[in-house]
Amino acid sequence: NSGSPIGRNDTSPRLNWVNSFPVTSMRYGI
């Protein structure tokens, strides 16, 4: 129930998730 399309690790902002496909994740990362 985060309600967010993307998120990150609270203690390590280098670690991010994207609620979609791998290519979408790479696109958002770039």
PDB file of all heavy atoms in Angstrom:
ATOM      1  N   ASN A   1       0.809  -1.224   0.000  1.00  0.00           N
ATOM      2  CA  ASN A   1       0.000   0.000   0.000  1.00  0.00           C
ATOM      3  C   ASN A   1       0.843   1.277   0.000  1.00  0.00           C
ATOM      4  O   ASN A   1       0.466   2.281   0.594  1.00  0.00           O
ATOM      5  CB  ASN A   1      -0.959   0.010   1.202  1.00  0.00           C
ATOM      6  CG  ASN A   1      -1.885  -1.182   1.192  1.00  0.00           C
ATOM      7  OD1 ASN A   1      -2.460  -1.532   0.165  1.00  0.00           O
ATOM      8  ND2 ASN A   1      -2.017  -1.832   2.351  1.00  0.00           N
ATOM      9  N   SER A   2       1.973   1.218  -0.689  1.00  0.00           N
ATOM     10  CA  SER A   2       2.791   2.429  -0.787  1.00  0.00           C
ATOM     11  C   SER A   2       2.118   3.468  -1.674  1.00  0.00           C
ATOM     12  O   SER A   2       2.302   4.670  -1.492  1.00  0.00           O
ATOM     13  CB  SER A   2       4.176   2.101  -1.340  1.00  0.00           C
ATOM     14  OG  SER A   2       4.092   1.715  -2.700  1.00  0.00           O
ATOM     15  N   GLY A   3       1.344   2.986  -2.655  1.00  0.00           N
ATOM     16  CA  GLY A   3       0.654   3.898  -3.548  1.00  0.00           C
ATOM     17  C   GLY A   3       1.569   4.656  -4.484  1.00  0.00           C
ATOM     18  O   GLY A   3       1.152   5.596  -5.149  1.00  0.00           O
ATOM     19  N   SER A   4       2.824   4.233  -4.563  1.00  0.00           N
ATOM     20  CA  SER A   4       3.802   4.939  -5.388  1.00  0.00           C
ATOM     21  C   SER A   4       4.239   4.059  -6.554  1.00  0.00           C
ATOM     22  O   SER A   4       4.374   2.842  -6.404  1.00  0.00           O
ATOM     23  CB  SER A   4       5.012   5.321  -4.546  1.00  0.00           C
ATOM     24  OG  SER A   4       6.011   5.928  -5.346  1.00  0.00           O
ATOM     25  N   PRO A   5       4.504   4.640  -7.715  1.00  0.00           N
ATOM     26  CA  PRO A   5       4.999   3.854  -8.850  1.00  0.00           C
ATOM     27  C   PRO A   5       6.488   3.540  -8.757  1.00  0.00           C
ATOM     28  O   PRO A   5       6.976   2.649  -9.416  1.00  0.00           O
ATOM     29  CB  PRO A   5       4.698   4.726 -10.052  1.00  0.00           C
ATOM     30  CG  PRO A   5       4.727   6.119  -9.506  1.00  0.00           C
ATOM     31  CD  PRO A   5       4.204   6.031  -8.106  1.00  0.00           C
ATOM     32  N   ILE A   6       7.218   4.330  -7.964  1.00  0.00           N
ATOM     33  CA  ILE A   6       8.646   4.093  -7.755  1.00  0.00           C
ATOM     34  C   ILE A   6       8.954   4.299  -6.278  1.00  0.00           C
ATOM     35  O   ILE A   6       8.198   4.953  -5.552  1.00  0.00           O
ATOM     36  CB  ILE A   6       9.540   5.009  -8.616  1.00  0.00           C
ATOM     37  CG1 ILE A   6       9.325   6.476  -8.252  1.00  0.00           C
ATOM     38  CG2 ILE A   6       9.261   4.789 -10.106  1.00  0.00           C
ATOM     39  CD1 ILE A   6      10.271   7.428  -8.993  1.00  0.00           C
ATOM     40  N   GLY A   7      10.055   3.720  -5.839  1.00  0.00           N
ATOM     41  CA  GLY A   7      10.433   3.877  -4.443  1.00  0.00           C
ATOM     42  C   GLY A   7      11.906   3.562  -4.260  1.00  0.00           C
ATOM     43  O   GLY A   7      12.591   3.153  -5.192  1.00  0.00           O
ATOM     44  N   ARG A   8      12.370   3.733  -3.027  1.00  0.00           N
ATOM     45  CA  ARG A   8      13.771   3.473  -2.753  1.00  0.00           C
ATOM     46  C   ARG A   8      13.947   2.943  -1.336  1.00  0.00           C
ATOM     47  O   ARG A   8      13.043   3.042  -0.502  1.00  0.00           O
ATOM     48  CB  ARG A   8      14.610   4.725  -2.947  1.00  0.00           C
ATOM     49  CG  ARG A   8      14.357   5.822  -1.931  1.00  0.00           C
ATOM     50  CD  ARG A   8      15.177   7.051  -2.262  1.00  0.00           C
ATOM     51  NE  ARG A   8      15.080   8.063  -1.205  1.00  0.00           N
ATOM     52  CZ  ARG A   8      15.622   9.268  -1.272  1.00  0.00           C
ATOM     53  NH1 ARG A   8      16.293   9.617  -2.369  1.00  0.00           N
ATOM     54  NH2 ARG A   8      15.508  10.122  -0.277  1.00  0.00           N
ATOM     55  N   ASN A   9      15.118   2.411  -1.091  1.00  0.00           N
ATOM     56  CA  ASN A   9      15.478   1.954   0.239  1.00  0.00           C
ATOM     57  C   ASN A   9      15.670   3.171   1.145  1.00  0.00           C
ATOM     58  O   ASN A   9      16.403   4.101   0.799  1.00  0.00           O
ATOM     59  CB  ASN A   9      16.767   1.127   0.148  1.00  0.00           C
ATOM     60  CG  ASN A   9      17.158   0.491   1.452  1.00  0.00           C
ATOM     61  OD1 ASN A   9      17.497   1.181   2.402  1.00  0.00           O
ATOM     62  ND2 ASN A   9      17.138  -0.828   1.495  1.00  0.00           N
ATOM     63  N   ASP A  10      15.023   3.157   2.292  1.00  0.00           N
ATOM     64  CA  ASP A  10      15.064   4.324   3.172  1.00  0.00           C
ATOM     65  C   ASP A  10      16.469   4.629   3.682  1.00  0.00           C
ATOM     66  O   ASP A  10      16.814   5.788   3.923  1.00  0.00           O
ATOM     67  CB  ASP A  10      14.121   4.124   4.366  1.00  0.00           C
ATOM     68  CG  ASP A  10      12.664   4.203   3.967  1.00  0.00           C
ATOM     69  OD1 ASP A  10      12.370   4.820   2.921  1.00  0.00           O
ATOM     70  OD2 ASP A  10      11.819   3.638   4.692  1.00  0.00           O
ATOM     71  N   THR A  11      17.263   3.593   3.867  1.00  0.00           N
ATOM     72  CA  THR A  11      18.608   3.800   4.419  1.00  0.00           C
ATOM     73  C   THR A  11      19.686   3.871   3.349  1.00  0.00           C
ATOM     74  O   THR A  11      20.822   4.235   3.642  1.00  0.00           O
ATOM     75  CB  THR A  11      18.953   2.676   5.408  1.00  0.00           C
ATOM     76  OG1 THR A  11      18.884   1.410   4.741  1.00  0.00           O
ATOM     77  CG2 THR A  11      17.992   2.678   6.588  1.00  0.00           C
ATOM     78  N   SER A  12      19.341   3.501   2.120  1.00  0.00           N
ATOM     79  CA  SER A  12      20.311   3.553   1.029  1.00  0.00           C
ATOM     80  C   SER A  12      19.622   4.041  -0.236  1.00  0.00           C
ATOM     81  O   SER A  12      19.078   3.242  -1.009  1.00  0.00           O
ATOM     82  CB  SER A  12      20.945   2.176   0.787  1.00  0.00           C
ATOM     83  OG  SER A  12      21.885   2.245  -0.279  1.00  0.00           O
ATOM     84  N   PRO A  13      19.630   5.342  -0.492  1.00  0.00           N
ATOM     85  CA  PRO A  13      18.921   5.883  -1.658  1.00  0.00           C
ATOM     86  C   PRO A  13      19.512   5.461  -2.999  1.00  0.00           C
ATOM     87  O   PRO A  13      18.929   5.755  -4.043  1.00  0.00           O
ATOM     88  CB  PRO A  13      19.032   7.403  -1.459  1.00  0.00           C
ATOM     89  CG  PRO A  13      20.212   7.600  -0.561  1.00  0.00           C
ATOM     90  CD  PRO A  13      20.240   6.402   0.336  1.00  0.00           C
ATOM     91  N   ARG A  14      20.629   4.759  -2.968  1.00  0.00           N
ATOM     92  CA  ARG A  14      21.165   4.207  -4.221  1.00  0.00           C
ATOM     93  C   ARG A  14      20.318   3.040  -4.731  1.00  0.00           C
ATOM     94  O   ARG A  14      20.430   2.664  -5.894  1.00  0.00           O
ATOM     95  CB  ARG A  14      22.598   3.723  -4.011  1.00  0.00           C
ATOM     96  CG  ARG A  14      23.624   4.805  -3.737  1.00  0.00           C
ATOM     97  CD  ARG A  14      24.993   4.195  -3.534  1.00  0.00           C
ATOM     98  NE  ARG A  14      26.007   5.193  -3.229  1.00  0.00           N
ATOM     99  CZ  ARG A  14      26.678   5.882  -4.138  1.00  0.00           C
ATOM    100  NH1 ARG A  14      26.454   5.652  -5.419  1.00  0.00           N
ATOM    101  NH2 ARG A  14      27.579   6.769  -3.790  1.00  0.00           N
ATOM    102  N   LEU A  15      19.524   2.441  -3.858  1.00  0.00           N
ATOM    103  CA  LEU A  15      18.731   1.253  -4.190  1.00  0.00           C
ATOM    104  C   LEU A  15      17.294   1.670  -4.470  1.00  0.00           C
ATOM    105  O   LEU A  15      16.581   2.116  -3.568  1.00  0.00           O
ATOM    106  CB  LEU A  15      18.777   0.249  -3.047  1.00  0.00           C
ATOM    107  CG  LEU A  15      20.174  -0.216  -2.611  1.00  0.00           C
ATOM    108  CD1 LEU A  15      20.075  -1.100  -1.369  1.00  0.00           C
ATOM    109  CD2 LEU A  15      20.869  -0.970  -3.752  1.00  0.00           C
ATOM    110  N   ASN A  16      16.864   1.507  -5.726  1.00  0.00           N
ATOM    111  CA  ASN A  16      15.552   1.998  -6.154  1.00  0.00           C
ATOM    112  C   ASN A  16      14.757   0.925  -6.877  1.00  0.00           C
ATOM    113  O   ASN A  16      15.315   0.115  -7.631  1.00  0.00           O
ATOM    114  CB  ASN A  16      15.736   3.199  -7.093  1.00  0.00           C
ATOM    115  CG  ASN A  16      16.449   4.357  -6.424  1.00  0.00           C
ATOM    116  OD1 ASN A  16      15.829   5.253  -5.899  1.00  0.00           O
ATOM    117  ND2 ASN A  16      17.777   4.331  -6.449  1.00  0.00           N
ATOM    118  N   TRP A  17      13.442   0.944  -6.667  1.00  0.00           N
ATOM    119  CA  TRP A  17      12.557   0.031  -7.394  1.00  0.00           C
ATOM    120  C   TRP A  17      11.583   0.828  -8.265  1.00  0.00           C
ATOM    121  O   TRP A  17      11.241   1.971  -7.958  1.00  0.00           O
ATOM    122  CB  TRP A  17      11.800  -0.900  -6.456  1.00  0.00           C
ATOM    123  CG  TRP A  17      10.950  -0.260  -5.381  1.00  0.00           C
ATOM    124  CD1 TRP A  17      11.310  -0.017  -4.089  1.00  0.00           C
ATOM    125  CD2 TRP A  17       9.594   0.202  -5.508  1.00  0.00           C
ATOM    126  NE1 TRP A  17      10.272   0.572  -3.394  1.00  0.00           N
ATOM    127  CE2 TRP A  17       9.204   0.714  -4.236  1.00  0.00           C
ATOM    128  CE3 TRP A  17       8.673   0.246  -6.545  1.00  0.00           C
ATOM    129  CZ2 TRP A  17       7.941   1.250  -3.991  1.00  0.00           C
ATOM    130  CZ3 TRP A  17       7.406   0.778  -6.308  1.00  0.00           C
ATOM    131  CH2 TRP A  17       7.053   1.269  -5.046  1.00  0.00           C
ATOM    132  N   VAL A  18      11.194   0.197  -9.352  1.00  0.00           N
ATOM    133  CA  VAL A  18      10.237   0.775 -10.292  1.00  0.00           C
ATOM    134  C   VAL A  18       9.151  -0.268 -10.528  1.00  0.00           C
ATOM    135  O   VAL A  18       9.451  -1.422 -10.853  1.00  0.00           O
ATOM    136  CB  VAL A  18      10.920   1.157 -11.625  1.00  0.00           C
ATOM    137  CG1 VAL A  18       9.893   1.678 -12.626  1.00  0.00           C
ATOM    138  CG2 VAL A  18      12.014   2.192 -11.387  1.00  0.00           C
ATOM    139  N   ASN A  19       7.900   0.111 -10.383  1.00  0.00           N
ATOM    140  CA  ASN A  19       6.799  -0.836 -10.503  1.00  0.00           C
ATOM    141  C   ASN A  19       6.386  -0.998 -11.961  1.00  0.00           C
ATOM    142  O   ASN A  19       5.327  -0.544 -12.397  1.00  0.00           O
ATOM    143  CB  ASN A  19       5.613  -0.387  -9.653  1.00  0.00           C
ATOM    144  CG  ASN A  19       4.601  -1.513  -9.463  1.00  0.00           C
ATOM    145  OD1 ASN A  19       4.982  -2.671  -9.337  1.00  0.00           O
ATOM    146  ND2 ASN A  19       3.327  -1.176  -9.446  1.00  0.00           N
ATOM    147  N   SER A  20       7.268  -1.646 -12.709  1.00  0.00           N
ATOM    148  CA  SER A  20       7.015  -1.896 -14.123  1.00  0.00           C
ATOM    149  C   SER A  20       8.034  -2.930 -14.613  1.00  0.00           C
ATOM    150  O   SER A  20       8.553  -3.721 -13.825  1.00  0.00           O
ATOM    151  CB  SER A  20       7.114  -0.603 -14.933  1.00  0.00           C
ATOM    152  OG  SER A  20       6.711  -0.821 -16.281  1.00  0.00           O
ATOM    153  N   PHE A  21       8.322  -2.889 -15.901  1.00  0.00           N
ATOM    154  CA  PHE A  21       9.197  -3.867 -16.514  1.00  0.00           C
ATOM    155  C   PHE A  21      10.678  -3.457 -16.399  1.00  0.00           C
ATOM    156  O   PHE A  21      10.988  -2.305 -16.090  1.00  0.00           O
ATOM    157  CB  PHE A  21       8.827  -4.054 -17.981  1.00  0.00           C
ATOM    158  CG  PHE A  21       7.464  -4.656 -18.179  1.00  0.00           C
ATOM    159  CD1 PHE A  21       6.411  -3.896 -18.662  1.00  0.00           C
ATOM    160  CD2 PHE A  21       7.240  -5.994 -17.865  1.00  0.00           C
ATOM    161  CE1 PHE A  21       5.156  -4.450 -18.842  1.00  0.00           C
ATOM    162  CE2 PHE A  21       5.993  -6.560 -18.044  1.00  0.00           C
ATOM    163  CZ  PHE A  21       4.938  -5.793 -18.524  1.00  0.00           C
ATOM    164  N   PRO A  22      11.591  -4.401 -16.664  1.00  0.00           N
ATOM    165  CA  PRO A  22      13.022  -4.083 -16.570  1.00  0.00           C
ATOM    166  C   PRO A  22      13.450  -2.895 -17.425  1.00  0.00           C
ATOM    167  O   PRO A  22      14.194  -2.026 -16.949  1.00  0.00           O
ATOM    168  CB  PRO A  22      13.694  -5.386 -17.020  1.00  0.00           C
ATOM    169  CG  PRO A  22      12.722  -6.447 -16.659  1.00  0.00           C
ATOM    170  CD  PRO A  22      11.366  -5.842 -16.895  1.00  0.00           C
ATOM    171  N   VAL A  23      13.013  -2.850 -18.669  1.00  0.00           N
ATOM    172  CA  VAL A  23      13.414  -1.746 -19.541  1.00  0.00           C
ATOM    173  C   VAL A  23      12.904  -0.412 -19.001  1.00  0.00           C
ATOM    174  O   VAL A  23      13.613   0.600 -19.036  1.00  0.00           O
ATOM    175  CB  VAL A  23      12.929  -1.989 -20.986  1.00  0.00           C
ATOM    176  CG1 VAL A  23      13.051  -0.716 -21.822  1.00  0.00           C
ATOM    177  CG2 VAL A  23      13.735  -3.100 -21.635  1.00  0.00           C
ATOM    178  N   THR A  24      11.680  -0.419 -18.476  1.00  0.00           N
ATOM    179  CA  THR A  24      11.151   0.793 -17.855  1.00  0.00           C
ATOM    180  C   THR A  24      12.031   1.219 -16.681  1.00  0.00           C
ATOM    181  O   THR A  24      12.316   2.407 -16.494  1.00  0.00           O
ATOM    182  CB  THR A  24       9.722   0.574 -17.365  1.00  0.00           C
ATOM    183  OG1 THR A  24       8.943  -0.039 -18.395  1.00  0.00           O
ATOM    184  CG2 THR A  24       9.081   1.893 -16.950  1.00  0.00           C
ATOM    185  N   SER A  25      12.471   0.237 -15.911  1.00  0.00           N
ATOM    186  CA  SER A  25      13.339   0.521 -14.769  1.00  0.00           C
ATOM    187  C   SER A  25      14.647   1.149 -15.221  1.00  0.00           C
ATOM    188  O   SER A  25      15.136   2.110 -14.603  1.00  0.00           O
ATOM    189  CB  SER A  25      13.626  -0.769 -13.995  1.00  0.00           C
ATOM    190  OG  SER A  25      12.436  -1.373 -13.557  1.00  0.00           O
ATOM    191  N   MET A  26      15.227   0.607 -16.277  1.00  0.00           N
ATOM    192  CA  MET A  26      16.458   1.181 -16.810  1.00  0.00           C
ATOM    193  C   MET A  26      16.208   2.588 -17.339  1.00  0.00           C
ATOM    194  O   MET A  26      17.007   3.513 -17.105  1.00  0.00           O
ATOM    195  CB  MET A  26      17.030   0.289 -17.909  1.00  0.00           C
ATOM    196  CG  MET A  26      18.303   0.811 -18.560  1.00  0.00           C
ATOM    197  SD  MET A  26      19.703   0.977 -17.419  1.00  0.00           S
ATOM    198  CE  MET A  26      20.359  -0.707 -17.461  1.00  0.00           C
ATOM    199  N   ARG A  27      15.094   2.778 -18.023  1.00  0.00           N
ATOM    200  CA  ARG A  27      14.773   4.102 -18.576  1.00  0.00           C
ATOM    201  C   ARG A  27      14.635   5.137 -17.461  1.00  0.00           C
ATOM    202  O   ARG A  27      15.188   6.244 -17.544  1.00  0.00           O
ATOM    203  CB  ARG A  27      13.493   4.019 -19.414  1.00  0.00           C
ATOM    204  CG  ARG A  27      13.004   5.354 -19.929  1.00  0.00           C
ATOM    205  CD  ARG A  27      11.964   5.184 -21.022  1.00  0.00           C
ATOM    206  NE  ARG A  27      10.771   4.486 -20.593  1.00  0.00           N
ATOM    207  CZ  ARG A  27       9.717   5.060 -19.989  1.00  0.00           C
ATOM    208  NH1 ARG A  27       9.746   6.355 -19.720  1.00  0.00           N
ATOM    209  NH2 ARG A  27       8.651   4.341 -19.662  1.00  0.00           N
ATOM    210  N   TYR A  28      13.911   4.772 -16.413  1.00  0.00           N
ATOM    211  CA  TYR A  28      13.754   5.690 -15.286  1.00  0.00           C
ATOM    212  C   TYR A  28      15.091   5.927 -14.579  1.00  0.00           C
ATOM    213  O   TYR A  28      15.372   7.035 -14.104  1.00  0.00           O
ATOM    214  CB  TYR A  28      12.711   5.155 -14.302  1.00  0.00           C
ATOM    215  CG  TYR A  28      11.344   5.757 -14.522  1.00  0.00           C
ATOM    216  CD1 TYR A  28      10.596   5.419 -15.659  1.00  0.00           C
ATOM    217  CD2 TYR A  28      10.798   6.668 -13.638  1.00  0.00           C
ATOM    218  CE1 TYR A  28       9.359   5.965 -15.889  1.00  0.00           C
ATOM    219  CE2 TYR A  28       9.551   7.235 -13.861  1.00  0.00           C
ATOM    220  CZ  TYR A  28       8.835   6.877 -14.986  1.00  0.00           C
ATOM    221  OH  TYR A  28       7.601   7.453 -15.219  1.00  0.00           O
ATOM    222  N   GLY A  29      15.903   4.891 -14.506  1.00  0.00           N
ATOM    223  CA  GLY A  29      17.218   5.053 -13.894  1.00  0.00           C
ATOM    224  C   GLY A  29      18.082   6.031 -14.651  1.00  0.00           C
ATOM    225  O   GLY A  29      18.772   6.876 -14.056  1.00  0.00           O
ATOM    226  N   ILE A  30      18.042   5.938 -15.978  1.00  0.00           N
ATOM    227  CA  ILE A  30      18.851   6.816 -16.822  1.00  0.00           C
ATOM    228  C   ILE A  30      18.312   8.246 -16.834  1.00  0.00           C
ATOM    229  O   ILE A  30      19.069   9.219 -16.730  1.00  0.00           O
ATOM    230  CB  ILE A  30      18.903   6.257 -18.260  1.00  0.00           C
ATOM    231  CG1 ILE A  30      19.711   4.950 -18.293  1.00  0.00           C
ATOM    232  CG2 ILE A  30      19.497   7.282 -19.225  1.00  0.00           C
ATOM    233  CD1 ILE A  30      19.623   4.211 -19.609  1.00  0.00           C
TER     234      ILE A  30
END
